[in-house]
């Protein structure tokens, strides 16, 4: 089903806008007998993560985390 509008994510407490997307219900390959909602062929939770990442990149908040080794003693 094709649609446009806004989808709300409880996880991110944010509404994500789409101008042209396709919603489908597919069988969940990880859980037999269950289904999942997909937006543009992506499971909806992954779609929200992707949209949130896009917003962060636009705002310049996507700074990579440096892997620093901690100095000190381990107990």
PDB file of N, CA and C in Angstrom:
ATOM      1  N   UNK A   1       0.831  -1.151   0.000  1.00  0.00           N
ATOM      2  CA  UNK A   1       0.000   0.000   0.000  1.00  0.00           C
ATOM      3  C   UNK A   1       0.895   1.239   0.000  1.00  0.00           C
ATOM      4  N   UNK A   2       0.690   2.137  -0.942  1.00  0.00           N
ATOM      5  CA  UNK A   2       1.477   3.356  -1.022  1.00  0.00           C
ATOM      6  C   UNK A   2       0.840   4.441  -0.154  1.00  0.00           C
ATOM      7  N   UNK A   3       1.683   5.272   0.456  1.00  0.00           N
ATOM      8  CA  UNK A   3       1.174   6.340   1.317  1.00  0.00           C
ATOM      9  C   UNK A   3       2.191   7.467   1.426  1.00  0.00           C
ATOM     10  N   UNK A   4       1.728   8.594   1.988  1.00  0.00           N
ATOM     11  CA  UNK A   4       2.607   9.688   2.383  1.00  0.00           C
ATOM     12  C   UNK A   4       2.064  10.235   3.680  1.00  0.00           C
ATOM     13  N   UNK A   5       2.938  10.809   4.488  1.00  0.00           N
ATOM     14  CA  UNK A   5       2.503  11.337   5.768  1.00  0.00           C
ATOM     15  C   UNK A   5       3.594  11.244   6.802  1.00  0.00           C
ATOM     16  N   UNK A   6       3.168  11.126   8.068  1.00  0.00           N
ATOM     17  CA  UNK A   6       4.120  11.063   9.173  1.00  0.00           C
ATOM     18  C   UNK A   6       3.874   9.802   9.983  1.00  0.00           C
ATOM     19  N   UNK A   7       4.977   9.184  10.417  1.00  0.00           N
ATOM     20  CA  UNK A   7       4.918   8.002  11.273  1.00  0.00           C
ATOM     21  C   UNK A   7       5.600   8.349  12.590  1.00  0.00           C
ATOM     22  N   UNK A   8       4.975   7.980  13.708  1.00  0.00           N
ATOM     23  CA  UNK A   8       5.513   8.293  15.029  1.00  0.00           C
ATOM     24  C   UNK A   8       6.260   7.103  15.604  1.00  0.00           C
ATOM     25  N   UNK A   9       7.455   7.369  16.144  1.00  0.00           N
ATOM     26  CA  UNK A   9       8.255   6.346  16.808  1.00  0.00           C
ATOM     27  C   UNK A   9       8.267   6.612  18.302  1.00  0.00           C
ATOM     28  N   UNK A  10       7.799   5.652  19.099  1.00  0.00           N
ATOM     29  CA  UNK A  10       7.868   5.775  20.554  1.00  0.00           C
ATOM     30  C   UNK A  10       9.325   5.755  21.012  1.00  0.00           C
ATOM     31  N   UNK A  11      10.140   4.959  20.342  1.00  0.00           N
ATOM     32  CA  UNK A  11      11.550   4.829  20.720  1.00  0.00           C
ATOM     33  C   UNK A  11      12.277   6.176  20.641  1.00  0.00           C
ATOM     34  N   UNK A  12      12.047   6.923  19.567  1.00  0.00           N
ATOM     35  CA  UNK A  12      12.728   8.194  19.355  1.00  0.00           C
ATOM     36  C   UNK A  12      11.874   9.402  19.741  1.00  0.00           C
ATOM     37  N   UNK A  13      10.608   9.157  20.091  1.00  0.00           N
ATOM     38  CA  UNK A  13       9.664  10.223  20.443  1.00  0.00           C
ATOM     39  C   UNK A  13       9.682  11.308  19.370  1.00  0.00           C
ATOM     40  N   UNK A  14       9.558  10.859  18.143  1.00  0.00           N
ATOM     41  CA  UNK A  14       9.686  11.739  16.986  1.00  0.00           C
ATOM     42  C   UNK A  14       8.739  11.285  15.888  1.00  0.00           C
ATOM     43  N   UNK A  15       8.243  12.254  15.107  1.00  0.00           N
ATOM     44  CA  UNK A  15       7.443  11.947  13.922  1.00  0.00           C
ATOM     45  C   UNK A  15       8.350  12.063  12.709  1.00  0.00           C
ATOM     46  N   UNK A  16       8.316  11.050  11.866  1.00  0.00           N
ATOM     47  CA  UNK A  16       9.142  11.020  10.664  1.00  0.00           C
ATOM     48  C   UNK A  16       8.246  11.152   9.441  1.00  0.00           C
ATOM     49  N   UNK A  17       8.576  12.083   8.585  1.00  0.00           N
ATOM     50  CA  UNK A  17       7.782  12.392   7.402  1.00  0.00           C
ATOM     51  C   UNK A  17       8.268  11.566   6.209  1.00  0.00           C
ATOM     52  N   UNK A  18       7.308  11.159   5.394  1.00  0.00           N
ATOM     53  CA  UNK A  18       7.622  10.499   4.136  1.00  0.00           C
ATOM     54  C   UNK A  18       6.683  11.044   3.070  1.00  0.00           C
ATOM     55  N   UNK A  19       7.222  11.305   1.908  1.00  0.00           N
ATOM     56  CA  UNK A  19       6.420  11.837   0.807  1.00  0.00           C
ATOM     57  C   UNK A  19       5.911  10.732  -0.117  1.00  0.00           C
ATOM     58  N   UNK A  20       6.635   9.626  -0.151  1.00  0.00           N
ATOM     59  CA  UNK A  20       6.217   8.519  -1.012  1.00  0.00           C
ATOM     60  C   UNK A  20       6.845   7.243  -0.476  1.00  0.00           C
ATOM     61  N   UNK A  21       6.052   6.410   0.160  1.00  0.00           N
ATOM     62  CA  UNK A  21       6.542   5.151   0.706  1.00  0.00           C
ATOM     63  C   UNK A  21       5.538   4.047   0.441  1.00  0.00           C
ATOM     64  N   UNK A  22       6.003   2.834   0.639  1.00  0.00           N
ATOM     65  CA  UNK A  22       5.158   1.663   0.464  1.00  0.00           C
ATOM     66  C   UNK A  22       5.191   0.843   1.747  1.00  0.00           C
ATOM     67  N   UNK A  23       4.035   0.527   2.273  1.00  0.00           N
ATOM     68  CA  UNK A  23       3.921  -0.305   3.471  1.00  0.00           C
ATOM     69  C   UNK A  23       3.489  -1.707   3.050  1.00  0.00           C
ATOM     70  N   UNK A  24       4.161  -2.695   3.611  1.00  0.00           N
ATOM     71  CA  UNK A  24       3.804  -4.088   3.353  1.00  0.00           C
ATOM     72  C   UNK A  24       3.844  -4.871   4.661  1.00  0.00           C
ATOM     73  N   UNK A  25       3.096  -5.930   4.717  1.00  0.00           N
ATOM     74  CA  UNK A  25       3.140  -6.860   5.842  1.00  0.00           C
ATOM     75  C   UNK A  25       3.752  -8.139   5.298  1.00  0.00           C
ATOM     76  N   UNK A  26       4.860  -8.559   5.925  1.00  0.00           N
ATOM     77  CA  UNK A  26       5.598  -9.733   5.457  1.00  0.00           C
ATOM     78  C   UNK A  26       5.740 -10.740   6.583  1.00  0.00           C
ATOM     79  N   UNK A  27       5.953 -11.982   6.211  1.00  0.00           N
ATOM     80  CA  UNK A  27       6.242 -13.002   7.221  1.00  0.00           C
ATOM     81  C   UNK A  27       7.598 -12.700   7.838  1.00  0.00           C
ATOM     82  N   UNK A  28       7.669 -12.860   9.153  1.00  0.00           N
ATOM     83  CA  UNK A  28       8.916 -12.621   9.862  1.00  0.00           C
ATOM     84  C   UNK A  28       9.786 -13.873   9.770  1.00  0.00           C
ATOM     85  N   UNK A  29      10.955 -13.784   9.103  1.00  0.00           N
ATOM     86  CA  UNK A  29      11.790 -14.979   8.955  1.00  0.00           C
ATOM     87  C   UNK A  29      12.396 -15.467  10.272  1.00  0.00           C
ATOM     88  N   UNK A  30      12.513 -14.596  11.276  1.00  0.00           N
ATOM     89  CA  UNK A  30      13.080 -15.008  12.555  1.00  0.00           C
ATOM     90  C   UNK A  30      12.055 -15.703  13.455  1.00  0.00           C
ATOM     91  N   UNK A  31      10.778 -15.390  13.265  1.00  0.00           N
ATOM     92  CA  UNK A  31       9.739 -15.966  14.114  1.00  0.00           C
ATOM     93  C   UNK A  31       8.651 -16.575  13.241  1.00  0.00           C
ATOM     94  N   UNK A  32       8.615 -17.889  13.203  1.00  0.00           N
ATOM     95  CA  UNK A  32       7.630 -18.572  12.373  1.00  0.00           C
ATOM     96  C   UNK A  32       6.217 -18.265  12.848  1.00  0.00           C
ATOM     97  N   UNK A  33       5.332 -18.052  11.888  1.00  0.00           N
ATOM     98  CA  UNK A  33       3.933 -17.793  12.191  1.00  0.00           C
ATOM     99  C   UNK A  33       3.643 -16.348  12.563  1.00  0.00           C
ATOM    100  N   UNK A  34       4.671 -15.481  12.541  1.00  0.00           N
ATOM    101  CA  UNK A  34       4.458 -14.077  12.877  1.00  0.00           C
ATOM    102  C   UNK A  34       4.749 -13.205  11.671  1.00  0.00           C
ATOM    103  N   UNK A  35       4.202 -12.007  11.699  1.00  0.00           N
ATOM    104  CA  UNK A  35       4.361 -11.065  10.603  1.00  0.00           C
ATOM    105  C   UNK A  35       5.019  -9.795  11.106  1.00  0.00           C
ATOM    106  N   UNK A  36       5.530  -8.986  10.171  1.00  0.00           N
ATOM    107  CA  UNK A  36       6.125  -7.705  10.532  1.00  0.00           C
ATOM    108  C   UNK A  36       5.746  -6.661   9.488  1.00  0.00           C
ATOM    109  N   UNK A  37       5.667  -5.423   9.940  1.00  0.00           N
ATOM    110  CA  UNK A  37       5.356  -4.308   9.065  1.00  0.00           C
ATOM    111  C   UNK A  37       6.653  -3.774   8.477  1.00  0.00           C
ATOM    112  N   UNK A  38       6.680  -3.604   7.168  1.00  0.00           N
ATOM    113  CA  UNK A  38       7.851  -3.069   6.483  1.00  0.00           C
ATOM    114  C   UNK A  38       7.467  -1.791   5.748  1.00  0.00           C
ATOM    115  N   UNK A  39       8.362  -0.816   5.789  1.00  0.00           N
ATOM    116  CA  UNK A  39       8.200   0.431   5.063  1.00  0.00           C
ATOM    117  C   UNK A  39       9.310   0.477   4.021  1.00  0.00           C
ATOM    118  N   UNK A  40       8.944   0.613   2.765  1.00  0.00           N
ATOM    119  CA  UNK A  40       9.909   0.621   1.661  1.00  0.00           C
ATOM    120  C   UNK A  40      10.807  -0.618   1.684  1.00  0.00           C
ATOM    121  N   UNK A  41      10.236  -1.758   2.069  1.00  0.00           N
ATOM    122  CA  UNK A  41      10.971  -3.020   2.073  1.00  0.00           C
ATOM    123  C   UNK A  41      11.871  -3.228   3.277  1.00  0.00           C
ATOM    124  N   UNK A  42      11.839  -2.296   4.244  1.00  0.00           N
ATOM    125  CA  UNK A  42      12.689  -2.369   5.438  1.00  0.00           C
ATOM    126  C   UNK A  42      11.780  -2.550   6.645  1.00  0.00           C
ATOM    127  N   UNK A  43      12.114  -3.464   7.582  1.00  0.00           N
ATOM    128  CA  UNK A  43      11.302  -3.576   8.799  1.00  0.00           C
ATOM    129  C   UNK A  43      11.181  -2.208   9.468  1.00  0.00           C
ATOM    130  N   UNK A  44      10.013  -1.908   9.998  1.00  0.00           N
ATOM    131  CA  UNK A  44       9.710  -0.560  10.470  1.00  0.00           C
ATOM    132  C   UNK A  44      10.700  -0.051  11.518  1.00  0.00           C
ATOM    133  N   UNK A  45      11.182  -0.909  12.421  1.00  0.00           N
ATOM    134  CA  UNK A  45      12.151  -0.449  13.415  1.00  0.00           C
ATOM    135  C   UNK A  45      13.449  -0.008  12.756  1.00  0.00           C
ATOM    136  N   UNK A  46      13.895  -0.749  11.758  1.00  0.00           N
ATOM    137  CA  UNK A  46      15.096  -0.356  11.016  1.00  0.00           C
ATOM    138  C   UNK A  46      14.854   0.908  10.210  1.00  0.00           C
ATOM    139  N   UNK A  47      13.639   1.090   9.691  1.00  0.00           N
ATOM    140  CA  UNK A  47      13.291   2.290   8.939  1.00  0.00           C
ATOM    141  C   UNK A  47      13.378   3.523   9.837  1.00  0.00           C
ATOM    142  N   UNK A  48      12.860   3.396  11.082  1.00  0.00           N
ATOM    143  CA  UNK A  48      12.951   4.499  12.026  1.00  0.00           C
ATOM    144  C   UNK A  48      14.410   4.825  12.348  1.00  0.00           C
ATOM    145  N   UNK A  49      15.228   3.788  12.571  1.00  0.00           N
ATOM    146  CA  UNK A  49      16.652   4.017  12.851  1.00  0.00           C
ATOM    147  C   UNK A  49      17.328   4.752  11.705  1.00  0.00           C
ATOM    148  N   UNK A  50      17.005   4.349  10.484  1.00  0.00           N
ATOM    149  CA  UNK A  50      17.589   4.987   9.299  1.00  0.00           C
ATOM    150  C   UNK A  50      17.171   6.460   9.222  1.00  0.00           C
ATOM    151  N   UNK A  51      15.904   6.743   9.432  1.00  0.00           N
ATOM    152  CA  UNK A  51      15.416   8.122   9.374  1.00  0.00           C
ATOM    153  C   UNK A  51      16.035   8.966  10.488  1.00  0.00           C
ATOM    154  N   UNK A  52      16.168   8.403  11.686  1.00  0.00           N
ATOM    155  CA  UNK A  52      16.769   9.127  12.794  1.00  0.00           C
ATOM    156  C   UNK A  52      18.234   9.441  12.486  1.00  0.00           C
ATOM    157  N   UNK A  53      18.941   8.487  11.914  1.00  0.00           N
ATOM    158  CA  UNK A  53      20.330   8.693  11.515  1.00  0.00           C
ATOM    159  C   UNK A  53      20.433   9.804  10.471  1.00  0.00           C
ATOM    160  N   UNK A  54      19.506   9.837   9.520  1.00  0.00           N
ATOM    161  CA  UNK A  54      19.495  10.893   8.498  1.00  0.00           C
ATOM    162  C   UNK A  54      19.308  12.271   9.139  1.00  0.00           C
ATOM    163  N   UNK A  55      18.433  12.363  10.131  1.00  0.00           N
ATOM    164  CA  UNK A  55      18.213  13.635  10.822  1.00  0.00           C
ATOM    165  C   UNK A  55      19.489  14.055  11.551  1.00  0.00           C
ATOM    166  N   UNK A  56      20.133  13.114  12.238  1.00  0.00           N
ATOM    167  CA  UNK A  56      21.363  13.434  12.947  1.00  0.00           C
ATOM    168  C   UNK A  56      22.442  13.932  11.987  1.00  0.00           C
ATOM    169  N   UNK A  57      22.547  13.310  10.828  1.00  0.00           N
ATOM    170  CA  UNK A  57      23.548  13.728   9.845  1.00  0.00           C
ATOM    171  C   UNK A  57      23.257  15.133   9.333  1.00  0.00           C
ATOM    172  N   UNK A  58      21.987  15.438   9.080  1.00  0.00           N
ATOM    173  CA  UNK A  58      21.614  16.777   8.612  1.00  0.00           C
ATOM    174  C   UNK A  58      21.936  17.845   9.643  1.00  0.00           C
ATOM    175  N   UNK A  59      21.795  17.510  10.917  1.00  0.00           N
ATOM    176  CA  UNK A  59      22.063  18.461  11.988  1.00  0.00           C
ATOM    177  C   UNK A  59      23.541  18.501  12.380  1.00  0.00           C
ATOM    178  N   UNK A  60      24.338  17.613  11.792  1.00  0.00           N
ATOM    179  CA  UNK A  60      25.764  17.561  12.109  1.00  0.00           C
ATOM    180  C   UNK A  60      26.049  16.925  13.450  1.00  0.00           C
ATOM    181  N   UNK A  61      25.157  16.081  13.920  1.00  0.00           N
ATOM    182  CA  UNK A  61      25.329  15.423  15.216  1.00  0.00           C
ATOM    183  C   UNK A  61      25.930  14.034  15.093  1.00  0.00           C
ATOM    184  N   UNK A  62      26.295  13.641  13.908  1.00  0.00           N
ATOM    185  CA  UNK A  62      26.807  12.300  13.681  1.00  0.00           C
ATOM    186  C   UNK A  62      28.327  12.304  13.793  1.00  0.00           C
ATOM    187  N   UNK A  63      28.825  12.381  15.009  1.00  0.00           N
ATOM    188  CA  UNK A  63      30.261  12.349  15.216  1.00  0.00           C
ATOM    189  C   UNK A  63      30.660  10.944  15.625  1.00  0.00           C
ATOM    190  N   UNK A  64      31.669  10.383  14.960  1.00  0.00           N
ATOM    191  CA  UNK A  64      32.072   9.020  15.298  1.00  0.00           C
ATOM    192  C   UNK A  64      32.664   8.955  16.703  1.00  0.00           C
ATOM    193  N   UNK A  65      32.394   7.864  17.383  1.00  0.00           N
ATOM    194  CA  UNK A  65      32.912   7.655  18.729  1.00  0.00           C
ATOM    195  C   UNK A  65      34.312   7.089  18.610  1.00  0.00           C
ATOM    196  N   UNK A  66      35.244   7.747  19.261  1.00  0.00           N
ATOM    197  CA  UNK A  66      36.619   7.287  19.213  1.00  0.00           C
ATOM    198  C   UNK A  66      36.801   6.123  20.170  1.00  0.00           C
ATOM    199  N   UNK A  67      37.587   5.154  19.747  1.00  0.00           N
ATOM    200  CA  UNK A  67      37.893   4.017  20.600  1.00  0.00           C
ATOM    201  C   UNK A  67      39.166   4.332  21.377  1.00  0.00           C
ATOM    202  N   UNK A  68      39.000   4.848  22.558  1.00  0.00           N
ATOM    203  CA  UNK A  68      40.139   5.173  23.405  1.00  0.00           C
ATOM    204  C   UNK A  68      40.303   4.067  24.432  1.00  0.00           C
ATOM    205  N   UNK A  69      41.546   3.654  24.602  1.00  0.00           N
ATOM    206  CA  UNK A  69      41.807   2.670  25.625  1.00  0.00           C
ATOM    207  C   UNK A  69      41.888   3.390  26.965  1.00  0.00           C
ATOM    208  N   UNK A  70      41.229   2.853  27.937  1.00  0.00           N
ATOM    209  CA  UNK A  70      41.220   3.463  29.254  1.00  0.00           C
ATOM    210  C   UNK A  70      42.498   3.066  29.987  1.00  0.00           C
ATOM    211  N   UNK A  71      43.071   4.054  30.624  1.00  0.00           N
ATOM    212  CA  UNK A  71      44.255   3.788  31.427  1.00  0.00           C
ATOM    213  C   UNK A  71      43.814   3.620  32.860  1.00  0.00           C
ATOM    214  N   UNK A  72      44.436   2.695  33.529  1.00  0.00           N
ATOM    215  CA  UNK A  72      44.077   2.462  34.923  1.00  0.00           C
ATOM    216  C   UNK A  72      44.180   1.002  35.256  1.00  0.00           C
ATOM    217  N   UNK A  73      43.797   0.704  36.444  1.00  0.00           N
ATOM    218  CA  UNK A  73      43.865  -0.669  36.933  1.00  0.00           C
ATOM    219  C   UNK A  73      42.497  -1.311  36.888  1.00  0.00           C
ATOM    220  N   UNK A  74      42.501  -2.562  36.581  1.00  0.00           N
ATOM    221  CA  UNK A  74      41.258  -3.334  36.639  1.00  0.00           C
ATOM    222  C   UNK A  74      41.284  -4.161  37.908  1.00  0.00           C
ATOM    223  N   UNK A  75      40.168  -4.166  38.553  1.00  0.00           N
ATOM    224  CA  UNK A  75      40.101  -4.920  39.814  1.00  0.00           C
ATOM    225  C   UNK A  75      39.337  -6.197  39.607  1.00  0.00           C
TER     226      UNK A  75
END
